[in-house]
Amino acid sequence: EVQLVESGGGLVQPGGSLRLSCAASGFTFSSVGMNWVRQAPGKGLEWVSTISNIGSIRYIDSVKGRFTISRDNAKSTLYLQMNILKPEDTAVYYCAIGCTFSYADVKCNYWGQGTQVTVSS
């Protein structure tokens, strides 16, 4: 079965950094595009970043230059390096696969449990 397990969240001050990990199993990791999606308090799901099976990368505009998505196929692990964190980055961050996106909606076939990122002074 597909399993996605996020880790690395926590409390950090504005301007700080965190590195999130997503340990994946139950599918051929190297053949699947991976996504980070977040949900801020009281807000809907927001796509953050995607890395395709061949390494093509995209980010939401608000995190460009600050976040870096990467993958280690040998370890079946997805990463999100988050630098210069802002209070508006506060959210539960989810690793997900099989996603479809629209302006108002994010739907994915499989989700991790999420990891909380809180940016506050």
N, C-alpha and C. Protein backbone atom coordinates (compact mmCIF):
# COMPACT_ATOMS: atom_id res chain seq x y z
N GLU A 1 0.82 -1.17 0.00
CA GLU A 1 0.00 0.00 0.00
C GLU A 1 0.87 1.24 0.00
N VAL A 2 0.32 2.30 -0.55
CA VAL A 2 1.04 3.55 -0.59
C VAL A 2 1.13 4.14 0.80
N GLN A 3 2.33 4.54 1.17
CA GLN A 3 2.54 5.23 2.43
C GLN A 3 3.43 6.45 2.20
N LEU A 4 3.03 7.56 2.78
CA LEU A 4 3.78 8.80 2.72
C LEU A 4 3.87 9.35 4.13
N VAL A 5 5.07 9.53 4.63
CA VAL A 5 5.26 9.94 6.01
C VAL A 5 6.15 11.17 6.05
N GLU A 6 5.56 12.30 6.42
CA GLU A 6 6.29 13.56 6.50
C GLU A 6 6.96 13.70 7.86
N SER A 7 8.05 14.43 7.88
CA SER A 7 8.73 14.77 9.12
C SER A 7 9.52 16.05 8.92
N GLY A 8 9.97 16.63 10.00
CA GLY A 8 10.83 17.80 9.94
C GLY A 8 10.18 19.12 10.28
N GLY A 9 8.88 19.12 10.51
CA GLY A 9 8.21 20.35 10.88
C GLY A 9 8.56 20.78 12.29
N GLY A 10 8.13 21.98 12.64
CA GLY A 10 8.40 22.50 13.96
C GLY A 10 8.15 23.99 14.03
N LEU A 11 8.57 24.56 15.14
CA LEU A 11 8.45 26.00 15.38
C LEU A 11 9.76 26.68 15.03
N VAL A 12 9.68 27.73 14.23
CA VAL A 12 10.87 28.46 13.83
C VAL A 12 10.54 29.95 13.76
N GLN A 13 11.54 30.77 14.02
CA GLN A 13 11.35 32.22 13.93
C GLN A 13 11.37 32.70 12.49
N PRO A 14 10.72 33.82 12.21
CA PRO A 14 10.81 34.38 10.86
C PRO A 14 12.26 34.54 10.42
N GLY A 15 12.52 34.17 9.18
CA GLY A 15 13.87 34.18 8.66
C GLY A 15 14.62 32.89 8.85
N GLY A 16 14.07 31.98 9.61
CA GLY A 16 14.71 30.71 9.87
C GLY A 16 14.47 29.70 8.77
N SER A 17 14.98 28.49 8.99
CA SER A 17 14.91 27.44 8.00
C SER A 17 14.43 26.13 8.61
N LEU A 18 13.80 25.33 7.78
CA LEU A 18 13.43 23.96 8.12
C LEU A 18 13.60 23.10 6.88
N ARG A 19 13.86 21.83 7.10
CA ARG A 19 13.93 20.87 6.01
C ARG A 19 12.92 19.77 6.27
N LEU A 20 11.94 19.66 5.40
CA LEU A 20 10.93 18.63 5.51
C LEU A 20 11.34 17.41 4.70
N SER A 21 10.96 16.24 5.19
CA SER A 21 11.19 15.00 4.48
C SER A 21 9.88 14.25 4.33
N CYS A 22 9.79 13.47 3.28
CA CYS A 22 8.65 12.60 3.04
C CYS A 22 9.19 11.23 2.64
N ALA A 23 9.03 10.27 3.53
CA ALA A 23 9.45 8.90 3.25
C ALA A 23 8.32 8.17 2.56
N ALA A 24 8.58 7.65 1.37
CA ALA A 24 7.56 7.03 0.54
C ALA A 24 7.78 5.54 0.40
N SER A 25 6.69 4.80 0.29
CA SER A 25 6.76 3.37 0.06
C SER A 25 5.45 2.91 -0.57
N GLY A 26 5.46 1.69 -1.12
CA GLY A 26 4.26 1.10 -1.69
C GLY A 26 4.03 1.42 -3.15
N PHE A 27 4.98 2.06 -3.79
CA PHE A 27 4.88 2.36 -5.22
C PHE A 27 6.28 2.60 -5.75
N THR A 28 6.38 2.69 -7.07
CA THR A 28 7.68 2.91 -7.70
C THR A 28 8.00 4.39 -7.64
N PHE A 29 8.69 4.78 -6.61
CA PHE A 29 8.95 6.18 -6.31
C PHE A 29 9.59 6.91 -7.48
N SER A 30 10.56 6.28 -8.12
CA SER A 30 11.31 6.93 -9.19
C SER A 30 10.47 7.25 -10.42
N SER A 31 9.29 6.65 -10.54
CA SER A 31 8.44 6.85 -11.70
C SER A 31 7.30 7.82 -11.46
N VAL A 32 7.23 8.40 -10.29
CA VAL A 32 6.08 9.20 -9.89
C VAL A 32 6.48 10.62 -9.53
N GLY A 33 5.73 11.58 -10.03
CA GLY A 33 5.91 12.95 -9.62
C GLY A 33 5.45 13.14 -8.18
N MET A 34 6.15 13.99 -7.44
CA MET A 34 5.87 14.21 -6.03
C MET A 34 5.50 15.67 -5.79
N ASN A 35 4.64 15.88 -4.81
CA ASN A 35 4.11 17.20 -4.54
C ASN A 35 4.19 17.54 -3.06
N TRP A 36 4.37 18.82 -2.79
CA TRP A 36 4.14 19.37 -1.47
C TRP A 36 2.91 20.28 -1.54
N VAL A 37 2.00 20.07 -0.62
CA VAL A 37 0.78 20.87 -0.51
C VAL A 37 0.67 21.32 0.94
N ARG A 38 0.17 22.51 1.18
CA ARG A 38 0.05 22.99 2.54
C ARG A 38 -1.34 23.53 2.82
N GLN A 39 -1.67 23.59 4.10
CA GLN A 39 -2.93 24.15 4.53
C GLN A 39 -2.68 25.05 5.73
N ALA A 40 -2.83 26.34 5.51
CA ALA A 40 -2.66 27.31 6.58
C ALA A 40 -3.89 27.31 7.48
N PRO A 41 -3.73 27.81 8.71
CA PRO A 41 -4.88 27.83 9.63
C PRO A 41 -6.07 28.57 9.03
N GLY A 42 -7.21 27.90 9.01
CA GLY A 42 -8.43 28.50 8.50
C GLY A 42 -8.48 28.66 7.00
N LYS A 43 -7.51 28.11 6.28
CA LYS A 43 -7.46 28.26 4.84
C LYS A 43 -7.60 26.91 4.15
N GLY A 44 -7.79 26.95 2.85
CA GLY A 44 -7.87 25.74 2.06
C GLY A 44 -6.51 25.20 1.69
N LEU A 45 -6.52 24.09 1.01
CA LEU A 45 -5.28 23.48 0.54
C LEU A 45 -4.63 24.34 -0.53
N GLU A 46 -3.32 24.46 -0.46
CA GLU A 46 -2.56 25.26 -1.41
C GLU A 46 -1.37 24.45 -1.91
N TRP A 47 -1.30 24.26 -3.21
CA TRP A 47 -0.14 23.61 -3.80
C TRP A 47 1.10 24.45 -3.58
N VAL A 48 2.20 23.81 -3.24
CA VAL A 48 3.45 24.51 -2.98
C VAL A 48 4.49 24.23 -4.05
N SER A 49 4.71 22.95 -4.34
CA SER A 49 5.79 22.60 -5.27
C SER A 49 5.60 21.20 -5.80
N THR A 50 6.16 20.96 -6.98
CA THR A 50 6.14 19.65 -7.63
C THR A 50 7.52 19.35 -8.19
N ILE A 51 7.93 18.11 -8.08
CA ILE A 51 9.09 17.62 -8.80
C ILE A 51 8.66 16.37 -9.56
N SER A 52 8.86 16.37 -10.86
CA SER A 52 8.42 15.26 -11.68
C SER A 52 9.38 14.08 -11.55
N ASN A 53 8.99 12.98 -12.19
CA ASN A 53 9.84 11.79 -12.17
C ASN A 53 11.18 12.01 -12.85
N ILE A 54 11.24 13.00 -13.75
CA ILE A 54 12.50 13.28 -14.43
C ILE A 54 13.16 14.56 -13.93
N GLY A 55 12.66 15.10 -12.84
CA GLY A 55 13.32 16.21 -12.19
C GLY A 55 12.84 17.59 -12.54
N SER A 56 11.77 17.70 -13.31
CA SER A 56 11.20 19.01 -13.61
C SER A 56 10.56 19.59 -12.34
N ILE A 57 10.85 20.85 -12.04
CA ILE A 57 10.45 21.46 -10.78
C ILE A 57 9.61 22.70 -11.01
N ARG A 58 8.58 22.87 -10.19
CA ARG A 58 7.76 24.07 -10.19
C ARG A 58 7.43 24.46 -8.77
N TYR A 59 7.27 25.76 -8.55
CA TYR A 59 6.92 26.30 -7.25
C TYR A 59 5.80 27.31 -7.37
N ILE A 60 5.03 27.45 -6.33
CA ILE A 60 4.13 28.58 -6.23
C ILE A 60 4.97 29.84 -6.11
N ASP A 61 4.48 30.93 -6.69
CA ASP A 61 5.28 32.15 -6.76
C ASP A 61 5.78 32.62 -5.39
N SER A 62 4.98 32.48 -4.37
CA SER A 62 5.32 33.03 -3.07
C SER A 62 6.51 32.36 -2.40
N VAL A 63 6.92 31.19 -2.88
CA VAL A 63 8.06 30.50 -2.26
C VAL A 63 9.28 30.44 -3.17
N LYS A 64 9.18 30.93 -4.38
CA LYS A 64 10.31 30.90 -5.30
C LYS A 64 11.49 31.68 -4.71
N GLY A 65 12.65 31.07 -4.80
CA GLY A 65 13.85 31.68 -4.25
C GLY A 65 14.08 31.38 -2.79
N ARG A 66 13.08 30.82 -2.12
CA ARG A 66 13.21 30.49 -0.70
C ARG A 66 13.15 28.99 -0.44
N PHE A 67 12.31 28.29 -1.18
CA PHE A 67 12.12 26.85 -0.99
C PHE A 67 12.82 26.08 -2.11
N THR A 68 13.29 24.90 -1.78
CA THR A 68 13.89 24.01 -2.76
C THR A 68 13.35 22.61 -2.59
N ILE A 69 12.71 22.09 -3.62
CA ILE A 69 12.23 20.72 -3.60
C ILE A 69 13.30 19.82 -4.22
N SER A 70 13.44 18.63 -3.69
CA SER A 70 14.38 17.67 -4.23
C SER A 70 13.91 16.26 -3.91
N ARG A 71 14.53 15.29 -4.55
CA ARG A 71 14.17 13.91 -4.29
C ARG A 71 15.41 13.05 -4.34
N ASP A 72 15.41 11.99 -3.55
CA ASP A 72 16.46 10.99 -3.56
C ASP A 72 15.79 9.67 -3.90
N ASN A 73 15.88 9.28 -5.16
CA ASN A 73 15.19 8.08 -5.60
C ASN A 73 15.75 6.82 -4.93
N ALA A 74 17.03 6.80 -4.63
CA ALA A 74 17.62 5.64 -3.97
C ALA A 74 17.03 5.44 -2.58
N LYS A 75 16.62 6.52 -1.94
CA LYS A 75 16.04 6.45 -0.60
C LYS A 75 14.52 6.57 -0.60
N SER A 76 13.92 6.71 -1.78
CA SER A 76 12.48 6.93 -1.90
C SER A 76 12.01 8.03 -0.96
N THR A 77 12.71 9.14 -1.01
CA THR A 77 12.43 10.25 -0.10
C THR A 77 12.35 11.56 -0.85
N LEU A 78 11.36 12.34 -0.51
CA LEU A 78 11.16 13.68 -1.04
C LEU A 78 11.53 14.69 0.04
N TYR A 79 12.10 15.82 -0.37
CA TYR A 79 12.52 16.85 0.56
C TYR A 79 11.96 18.21 0.17
N LEU A 80 11.82 19.07 1.16
CA LEU A 80 11.53 20.47 0.92
C LEU A 80 12.38 21.30 1.87
N GLN A 81 13.41 21.94 1.32
CA GLN A 81 14.23 22.86 2.09
C GLN A 81 13.55 24.21 2.08
N MET A 82 13.24 24.74 3.25
CA MET A 82 12.52 25.99 3.37
C MET A 82 13.42 26.99 4.09
N ASN A 83 13.77 28.06 3.39
CA ASN A 83 14.62 29.11 3.93
C ASN A 83 13.86 30.42 3.99
N ILE A 84 14.37 31.34 4.78
CA ILE A 84 13.79 32.67 4.95
C ILE A 84 12.29 32.54 5.20
N LEU A 85 11.95 31.72 6.15
CA LEU A 85 10.55 31.44 6.43
C LEU A 85 9.83 32.68 6.93
N LYS A 86 8.58 32.78 6.54
CA LYS A 86 7.72 33.90 6.89
C LYS A 86 6.52 33.40 7.67
N PRO A 87 5.90 34.26 8.48
CA PRO A 87 4.70 33.82 9.21
C PRO A 87 3.63 33.25 8.29
N GLU A 88 3.50 33.77 7.09
CA GLU A 88 2.50 33.26 6.16
C GLU A 88 2.81 31.87 5.63
N ASP A 89 4.01 31.35 5.92
CA ASP A 89 4.33 29.97 5.59
C ASP A 89 3.78 28.99 6.62
N THR A 90 3.26 29.50 7.72
CA THR A 90 2.71 28.63 8.75
C THR A 90 1.57 27.80 8.18
N ALA A 91 1.69 26.49 8.30
CA ALA A 91 0.71 25.58 7.72
C ALA A 91 1.07 24.16 8.08
N VAL A 92 0.13 23.27 7.85
CA VAL A 92 0.44 21.85 7.82
C VAL A 92 0.91 21.54 6.41
N TYR A 93 2.06 20.92 6.30
CA TYR A 93 2.63 20.58 5.01
C TYR A 93 2.45 19.09 4.74
N TYR A 94 1.90 18.79 3.57
CA TYR A 94 1.61 17.43 3.18
C TYR A 94 2.43 17.03 1.96
N CYS A 95 2.90 15.82 1.99
CA CYS A 95 3.45 15.15 0.82
C CYS A 95 2.30 14.41 0.13
N ALA A 96 2.23 14.50 -1.20
CA ALA A 96 1.10 13.89 -1.89
C ALA A 96 1.49 13.45 -3.29
N ILE A 97 0.75 12.47 -3.80
CA ILE A 97 0.94 12.01 -5.18
C ILE A 97 -0.41 11.88 -5.86
N GLY A 98 -0.39 11.85 -7.18
CA GLY A 98 -1.61 11.73 -7.95
C GLY A 98 -2.51 12.93 -7.79
N CYS A 99 -1.97 14.13 -7.94
CA CYS A 99 -2.70 15.36 -7.67
C CYS A 99 -3.22 16.02 -8.93
N THR A 100 -4.35 16.68 -8.77
CA THR A 100 -4.88 17.59 -9.76
C THR A 100 -5.10 18.93 -9.08
N PHE A 101 -4.83 20.01 -9.80
CA PHE A 101 -4.86 21.34 -9.20
C PHE A 101 -5.74 22.28 -10.01
N SER A 102 -6.40 23.16 -9.30
CA SER A 102 -7.10 24.27 -9.91
C SER A 102 -6.90 25.47 -9.00
N TYR A 103 -7.40 26.63 -9.43
CA TYR A 103 -7.23 27.83 -8.63
C TYR A 103 -7.83 27.68 -7.24
N ALA A 104 -8.94 26.96 -7.15
CA ALA A 104 -9.67 26.87 -5.90
C ALA A 104 -9.60 25.50 -5.22
N ASP A 105 -8.90 24.55 -5.82
CA ASP A 105 -8.98 23.19 -5.30
C ASP A 105 -7.68 22.43 -5.54
N VAL A 106 -7.37 21.56 -4.60
CA VAL A 106 -6.27 20.62 -4.73
C VAL A 106 -6.82 19.24 -4.38
N LYS A 107 -6.67 18.31 -5.28
CA LYS A 107 -7.11 16.94 -5.02
C LYS A 107 -5.98 15.98 -5.35
N CYS A 108 -5.74 15.05 -4.45
CA CYS A 108 -4.68 14.08 -4.64
C CYS A 108 -5.19 12.69 -4.27
N ASN A 109 -4.61 11.70 -4.90
CA ASN A 109 -5.01 10.33 -4.61
C ASN A 109 -4.46 9.81 -3.30
N TYR A 110 -3.27 10.26 -2.93
CA TYR A 110 -2.62 9.79 -1.72
C TYR A 110 -1.97 10.95 -1.00
N TRP A 111 -2.11 10.93 0.32
CA TRP A 111 -1.58 11.97 1.19
C TRP A 111 -0.82 11.38 2.35
N GLY A 112 0.18 12.10 2.80
CA GLY A 112 0.78 11.79 4.07
C GLY A 112 -0.06 12.37 5.20
N GLN A 113 0.39 12.18 6.43
CA GLN A 113 -0.36 12.67 7.58
C GLN A 113 -0.15 14.15 7.82
N GLY A 114 0.87 14.72 7.22
CA GLY A 114 1.17 16.13 7.38
C GLY A 114 2.15 16.39 8.51
N THR A 115 2.88 17.48 8.39
CA THR A 115 3.77 17.93 9.45
C THR A 115 3.58 19.43 9.64
N GLN A 116 3.46 19.85 10.88
CA GLN A 116 3.14 21.24 11.20
C GLN A 116 4.39 22.11 11.13
N VAL A 117 4.28 23.20 10.40
CA VAL A 117 5.31 24.23 10.35
C VAL A 117 4.72 25.50 10.91
N THR A 118 5.33 26.02 11.96
CA THR A 118 4.86 27.25 12.58
C THR A 118 6.00 28.26 12.56
N VAL A 119 5.76 29.40 11.95
CA VAL A 119 6.75 30.47 11.84
C VAL A 119 6.24 31.64 12.68
N SER A 120 6.89 31.88 13.78
CA SER A 120 6.43 32.90 14.72
C SER A 120 7.57 33.37 15.59
N SER A 121 7.53 34.63 15.94
CA SER A 121 8.50 35.19 16.87
C SER A 121 7.97 35.22 18.29
